[in-house]
Amino acid sequence: MAGKFWKKNVPAKTSVVKVRSATLLFPMLELGRADIVLYEEWGGLYLLAGYKPTTIRELKPPLASRPLYMYLNKAHREMVPRVSNALLQMKADGSYQKIVDRILSPLKPGQ
């Protein structure tokens, strides 16, 4: 997916550095070895929370936004209706939002 994004949205003459691990992205940015890092929001915020950089800021709006999907191995296909119903119920009763507020919201700077 990221490869398609790059091919469509990054100019051909742009210098691109690929790293083996996402944990290497933000130190490169902090040390001035990269000007910009493209990474998904929540994963990036999680990595930044552990790294505590001083010069890195999340830019808004995002360059791209797309729906996310859960995938189950076909060996568990019988679970699809139960998982789907459980997620719908969690969103309806507010428990999904409580998890977001408890786990994800603290990753946002200033919260």
N, C-alpha and C. Protein backbone atom coordinates (compact mmCIF):
# COMPACT_ATOMS: atom_id res chain seq x y z
N MET A 1 0.81 -1.19 0.00
CA MET A 1 0.00 0.00 0.00
C MET A 1 0.86 1.26 0.00
N ALA A 2 1.88 1.30 0.86
CA ALA A 2 2.75 2.47 0.92
C ALA A 2 3.47 2.68 -0.40
N GLY A 3 3.87 1.60 -1.05
CA GLY A 3 4.56 1.71 -2.34
C GLY A 3 3.71 2.42 -3.37
N LYS A 4 2.42 2.11 -3.42
CA LYS A 4 1.52 2.78 -4.36
C LYS A 4 1.39 4.26 -4.02
N PHE A 5 1.32 4.58 -2.74
CA PHE A 5 1.22 5.97 -2.32
C PHE A 5 2.44 6.74 -2.80
N TRP A 6 3.63 6.20 -2.58
CA TRP A 6 4.86 6.85 -3.01
C TRP A 6 4.87 7.09 -4.50
N LYS A 7 4.55 6.06 -5.26
CA LYS A 7 4.61 6.19 -6.71
C LYS A 7 3.67 7.26 -7.23
N LYS A 8 2.52 7.42 -6.59
CA LYS A 8 1.54 8.39 -7.07
C LYS A 8 1.75 9.80 -6.52
N ASN A 9 2.36 9.95 -5.35
CA ASN A 9 2.35 11.24 -4.67
C ASN A 9 3.70 11.89 -4.38
N VAL A 10 4.79 11.18 -4.58
CA VAL A 10 6.11 11.75 -4.29
C VAL A 10 6.83 11.99 -5.62
N PRO A 11 7.31 13.22 -5.85
CA PRO A 11 8.01 13.50 -7.10
C PRO A 11 9.17 12.54 -7.35
N ALA A 12 9.38 12.17 -8.59
CA ALA A 12 10.39 11.17 -8.96
C ALA A 12 11.80 11.55 -8.51
N LYS A 13 12.13 12.83 -8.47
CA LYS A 13 13.49 13.26 -8.12
C LYS A 13 13.70 13.39 -6.61
N THR A 14 12.71 13.05 -5.83
CA THR A 14 12.83 13.14 -4.38
C THR A 14 13.76 12.05 -3.87
N SER A 15 14.64 12.42 -2.96
CA SER A 15 15.54 11.45 -2.34
C SER A 15 14.77 10.70 -1.26
N VAL A 16 14.65 9.40 -1.42
CA VAL A 16 13.89 8.57 -0.48
C VAL A 16 14.84 7.61 0.21
N VAL A 17 14.75 7.55 1.53
CA VAL A 17 15.55 6.62 2.32
C VAL A 17 14.59 5.64 2.98
N LYS A 18 14.83 4.37 2.76
CA LYS A 18 14.02 3.34 3.39
C LYS A 18 14.80 2.76 4.56
N VAL A 19 14.10 2.46 5.65
CA VAL A 19 14.75 1.88 6.82
C VAL A 19 14.15 0.51 7.11
N ARG A 20 14.91 -0.30 7.83
CA ARG A 20 14.44 -1.66 8.16
C ARG A 20 13.36 -1.68 9.22
N SER A 21 13.34 -0.68 10.06
CA SER A 21 12.42 -0.66 11.18
C SER A 21 11.88 0.75 11.39
N ALA A 22 10.62 0.83 11.71
CA ALA A 22 10.01 2.14 11.95
C ALA A 22 10.67 2.86 13.12
N THR A 23 11.25 2.12 14.04
CA THR A 23 11.90 2.77 15.19
C THR A 23 13.10 3.61 14.77
N LEU A 24 13.60 3.41 13.55
CA LEU A 24 14.73 4.20 13.06
C LEU A 24 14.30 5.51 12.41
N LEU A 25 13.02 5.64 12.07
CA LEU A 25 12.56 6.82 11.35
C LEU A 25 12.71 8.11 12.15
N PHE A 26 12.20 8.12 13.35
CA PHE A 26 12.15 9.36 14.11
C PHE A 26 13.51 9.82 14.62
N PRO A 27 14.41 8.91 15.02
CA PRO A 27 15.78 9.38 15.33
C PRO A 27 16.45 10.03 14.12
N MET A 28 16.22 9.50 12.91
CA MET A 28 16.78 10.12 11.71
C MET A 28 16.24 11.53 11.53
N LEU A 29 14.97 11.70 11.80
CA LEU A 29 14.34 13.01 11.68
C LEU A 29 14.90 13.97 12.74
N GLU A 30 14.99 13.50 13.96
CA GLU A 30 15.49 14.32 15.07
C GLU A 30 16.94 14.75 14.85
N LEU A 31 17.74 13.86 14.26
CA LEU A 31 19.15 14.16 14.03
C LEU A 31 19.41 14.93 12.73
N GLY A 32 18.34 15.25 12.00
CA GLY A 32 18.49 16.02 10.77
C GLY A 32 18.94 15.19 9.58
N ARG A 33 18.84 13.89 9.67
CA ARG A 33 19.23 13.02 8.55
C ARG A 33 18.07 12.78 7.60
N ALA A 34 16.90 13.28 7.96
CA ALA A 34 15.71 13.24 7.11
C ALA A 34 14.95 14.53 7.36
N ASP A 35 14.27 15.02 6.33
CA ASP A 35 13.49 16.24 6.47
C ASP A 35 12.04 15.94 6.83
N ILE A 36 11.56 14.80 6.39
CA ILE A 36 10.17 14.43 6.63
C ILE A 36 10.08 12.90 6.69
N VAL A 37 9.18 12.43 7.52
CA VAL A 37 8.92 10.99 7.65
C VAL A 37 7.45 10.78 7.39
N LEU A 38 7.13 9.79 6.58
CA LEU A 38 5.74 9.43 6.35
C LEU A 38 5.46 8.13 7.09
N TYR A 39 4.46 8.19 7.97
CA TYR A 39 4.11 7.01 8.77
C TYR A 39 2.66 7.17 9.21
N GLU A 40 2.02 6.08 9.54
CA GLU A 40 0.62 6.18 9.95
C GLU A 40 0.51 6.83 11.32
N GLU A 41 -0.58 7.55 11.54
CA GLU A 41 -0.72 8.44 12.69
C GLU A 41 -0.54 7.76 14.04
N TRP A 42 -1.36 6.78 14.36
CA TRP A 42 -1.33 6.21 15.72
C TRP A 42 -0.04 5.46 16.00
N GLY A 43 0.47 4.74 15.00
CA GLY A 43 1.74 4.06 15.19
C GLY A 43 2.88 5.05 15.40
N GLY A 44 2.84 6.14 14.65
CA GLY A 44 3.85 7.18 14.80
C GLY A 44 3.78 7.84 16.17
N LEU A 45 2.58 8.15 16.62
CA LEU A 45 2.43 8.76 17.94
C LEU A 45 2.89 7.82 19.04
N TYR A 46 2.64 6.53 18.86
CA TYR A 46 3.09 5.54 19.84
C TYR A 46 4.62 5.51 19.89
N LEU A 47 5.27 5.48 18.73
CA LEU A 47 6.73 5.48 18.71
C LEU A 47 7.29 6.78 19.29
N LEU A 48 6.67 7.89 18.98
CA LEU A 48 7.14 9.17 19.51
C LEU A 48 6.97 9.26 21.02
N ALA A 49 5.92 8.66 21.55
CA ALA A 49 5.69 8.69 23.01
C ALA A 49 6.84 8.01 23.74
N GLY A 50 7.39 6.95 23.17
CA GLY A 50 8.50 6.27 23.80
C GLY A 50 9.84 6.95 23.55
N TYR A 51 9.92 7.72 22.49
CA TYR A 51 11.17 8.34 22.08
C TYR A 51 11.37 9.73 22.69
N LYS A 52 10.31 10.46 22.92
CA LYS A 52 10.33 11.81 23.50
C LYS A 52 11.22 12.80 22.74
N PRO A 53 10.96 12.98 21.45
CA PRO A 53 11.78 13.93 20.67
C PRO A 53 11.45 15.37 21.05
N THR A 54 12.35 16.27 20.72
CA THR A 54 12.13 17.67 21.04
C THR A 54 11.80 18.52 19.82
N THR A 55 12.12 18.03 18.62
CA THR A 55 11.95 18.87 17.43
C THR A 55 10.97 18.29 16.41
N ILE A 56 10.28 17.23 16.76
CA ILE A 56 9.39 16.57 15.80
C ILE A 56 7.94 16.94 16.09
N ARG A 57 7.22 17.30 15.05
CA ARG A 57 5.80 17.64 15.18
C ARG A 57 5.01 16.92 14.11
N GLU A 58 3.83 16.47 14.48
CA GLU A 58 2.90 15.86 13.51
C GLU A 58 2.29 16.98 12.68
N LEU A 59 2.30 16.81 11.38
CA LEU A 59 1.71 17.81 10.49
C LEU A 59 0.28 17.43 10.14
N LYS A 60 -0.58 18.41 10.11
CA LYS A 60 -1.97 18.20 9.74
C LYS A 60 -2.28 19.11 8.59
N PRO A 61 -3.14 18.78 7.70
CA PRO A 61 -3.90 17.54 7.61
C PRO A 61 -3.02 16.40 7.09
N PRO A 62 -3.49 15.17 7.22
CA PRO A 62 -2.70 14.04 6.70
C PRO A 62 -2.58 14.12 5.18
N LEU A 63 -1.51 13.55 4.67
CA LEU A 63 -1.31 13.51 3.22
C LEU A 63 -2.32 12.60 2.54
N ALA A 64 -2.70 11.55 3.25
CA ALA A 64 -3.66 10.59 2.70
C ALA A 64 -4.46 10.01 3.85
N SER A 65 -5.65 9.62 3.55
CA SER A 65 -6.51 8.98 4.55
C SER A 65 -7.29 7.90 3.84
N ARG A 66 -7.33 6.74 4.44
CA ARG A 66 -8.07 5.64 3.83
C ARG A 66 -8.68 4.76 4.90
N PRO A 67 -9.75 4.08 4.55
CA PRO A 67 -10.39 3.20 5.53
C PRO A 67 -9.48 2.03 5.92
N LEU A 68 -9.63 1.59 7.14
CA LEU A 68 -8.90 0.42 7.62
C LEU A 68 -9.86 -0.73 7.81
N TYR A 69 -9.36 -1.91 7.62
CA TYR A 69 -10.20 -3.10 7.73
C TYR A 69 -9.52 -4.13 8.62
N MET A 70 -10.33 -4.89 9.32
CA MET A 70 -9.83 -6.03 10.08
C MET A 70 -9.82 -7.23 9.16
N TYR A 71 -8.83 -8.06 9.33
CA TYR A 71 -8.76 -9.28 8.54
C TYR A 71 -8.62 -10.47 9.47
N LEU A 72 -9.32 -11.52 9.15
CA LEU A 72 -9.20 -12.77 9.88
C LEU A 72 -8.73 -13.84 8.90
N ASN A 73 -7.95 -14.76 9.41
CA ASN A 73 -7.55 -15.90 8.60
C ASN A 73 -8.81 -16.66 8.21
N LYS A 74 -8.81 -17.22 6.99
CA LYS A 74 -10.00 -17.92 6.51
C LYS A 74 -10.38 -19.09 7.41
N ALA A 75 -9.44 -19.58 8.19
CA ALA A 75 -9.75 -20.66 9.13
C ALA A 75 -10.72 -20.19 10.21
N HIS A 76 -10.85 -18.85 10.36
CA HIS A 76 -11.74 -18.29 11.39
C HIS A 76 -12.94 -17.56 10.78
N ARG A 77 -13.28 -17.90 9.55
CA ARG A 77 -14.37 -17.18 8.86
C ARG A 77 -15.69 -17.23 9.62
N GLU A 78 -15.89 -18.30 10.40
CA GLU A 78 -17.14 -18.39 11.16
C GLU A 78 -17.23 -17.31 12.25
N MET A 79 -16.11 -16.69 12.59
CA MET A 79 -16.10 -15.65 13.62
C MET A 79 -16.49 -14.28 13.09
N VAL A 80 -16.52 -14.09 11.78
CA VAL A 80 -16.75 -12.77 11.19
C VAL A 80 -18.04 -12.12 11.72
N PRO A 81 -19.18 -12.80 11.70
CA PRO A 81 -20.39 -12.14 12.21
C PRO A 81 -20.28 -11.76 13.69
N ARG A 82 -19.67 -12.62 14.50
CA ARG A 82 -19.55 -12.32 15.93
C ARG A 82 -18.61 -11.13 16.17
N VAL A 83 -17.50 -11.09 15.45
CA VAL A 83 -16.55 -9.98 15.61
C VAL A 83 -17.20 -8.69 15.14
N SER A 84 -17.86 -8.73 14.00
CA SER A 84 -18.53 -7.54 13.47
C SER A 84 -19.59 -7.03 14.44
N ASN A 85 -20.40 -7.93 14.94
CA ASN A 85 -21.45 -7.54 15.90
C ASN A 85 -20.85 -6.99 17.18
N ALA A 86 -19.78 -7.59 17.66
CA ALA A 86 -19.14 -7.11 18.89
C ALA A 86 -18.62 -5.68 18.70
N LEU A 87 -18.00 -5.39 17.56
CA LEU A 87 -17.51 -4.04 17.30
C LEU A 87 -18.66 -3.04 17.20
N LEU A 88 -19.72 -3.42 16.52
CA LEU A 88 -20.89 -2.52 16.42
C LEU A 88 -21.47 -2.26 17.80
N GLN A 89 -21.57 -3.29 18.63
CA GLN A 89 -22.11 -3.13 19.98
C GLN A 89 -21.20 -2.25 20.84
N MET A 90 -19.89 -2.44 20.71
CA MET A 90 -18.94 -1.62 21.48
C MET A 90 -19.05 -0.15 21.08
N LYS A 91 -19.24 0.12 19.80
CA LYS A 91 -19.39 1.51 19.37
C LYS A 91 -20.71 2.09 19.86
N ALA A 92 -21.76 1.27 19.86
CA ALA A 92 -23.07 1.74 20.31
C ALA A 92 -23.12 2.01 21.81
N ASP A 93 -22.46 1.17 22.61
CA ASP A 93 -22.54 1.34 24.07
C ASP A 93 -21.44 2.24 24.63
N GLY A 94 -20.55 2.74 23.76
CA GLY A 94 -19.52 3.67 24.20
C GLY A 94 -18.23 3.02 24.68
N SER A 95 -18.19 1.71 24.79
CA SER A 95 -16.97 1.06 25.29
C SER A 95 -15.81 1.21 24.30
N TYR A 96 -16.09 1.26 23.02
CA TYR A 96 -15.04 1.47 22.01
C TYR A 96 -14.38 2.83 22.24
N GLN A 97 -15.19 3.87 22.43
CA GLN A 97 -14.66 5.21 22.65
C GLN A 97 -13.88 5.29 23.96
N LYS A 98 -14.31 4.56 24.98
CA LYS A 98 -13.58 4.54 26.24
C LYS A 98 -12.18 3.97 26.05
N ILE A 99 -12.06 2.95 25.23
CA ILE A 99 -10.74 2.37 24.94
C ILE A 99 -9.88 3.38 24.19
N VAL A 100 -10.46 4.04 23.19
CA VAL A 100 -9.73 5.07 22.45
C VAL A 100 -9.25 6.16 23.40
N ASP A 101 -10.15 6.62 24.27
CA ASP A 101 -9.80 7.69 25.21
C ASP A 101 -8.70 7.25 26.18
N ARG A 102 -8.73 6.01 26.62
CA ARG A 102 -7.76 5.52 27.61
C ARG A 102 -6.42 5.18 26.97
N ILE A 103 -6.44 4.58 25.79
CA ILE A 103 -5.20 4.07 25.18
C ILE A 103 -4.61 5.03 24.15
N LEU A 104 -5.43 5.53 23.24
CA LEU A 104 -4.90 6.33 22.13
C LEU A 104 -4.80 7.82 22.44
N SER A 105 -5.81 8.38 23.07
CA SER A 105 -5.82 9.83 23.29
C SER A 105 -4.59 10.33 24.05
N PRO A 106 -4.06 9.60 25.04
CA PRO A 106 -2.85 10.09 25.72
C PRO A 106 -1.62 10.20 24.81
N LEU A 107 -1.66 9.54 23.65
CA LEU A 107 -0.53 9.62 22.72
C LEU A 107 -0.49 10.98 22.02
N LYS A 108 -1.62 11.67 21.96
CA LYS A 108 -1.68 12.97 21.30
C LYS A 108 -1.01 14.00 22.19
N PRO A 109 -0.08 14.78 21.63
CA PRO A 109 0.58 15.81 22.42
C PRO A 109 -0.43 16.79 23.01
N GLY A 110 -0.20 17.20 24.25
CA GLY A 110 -1.07 18.16 24.90
C GLY A 110 -2.32 17.57 25.50
N GLN A 111 -2.42 16.24 25.54
CA GLN A 111 -3.63 15.64 26.13
C GLN A 111 -3.29 14.84 27.35
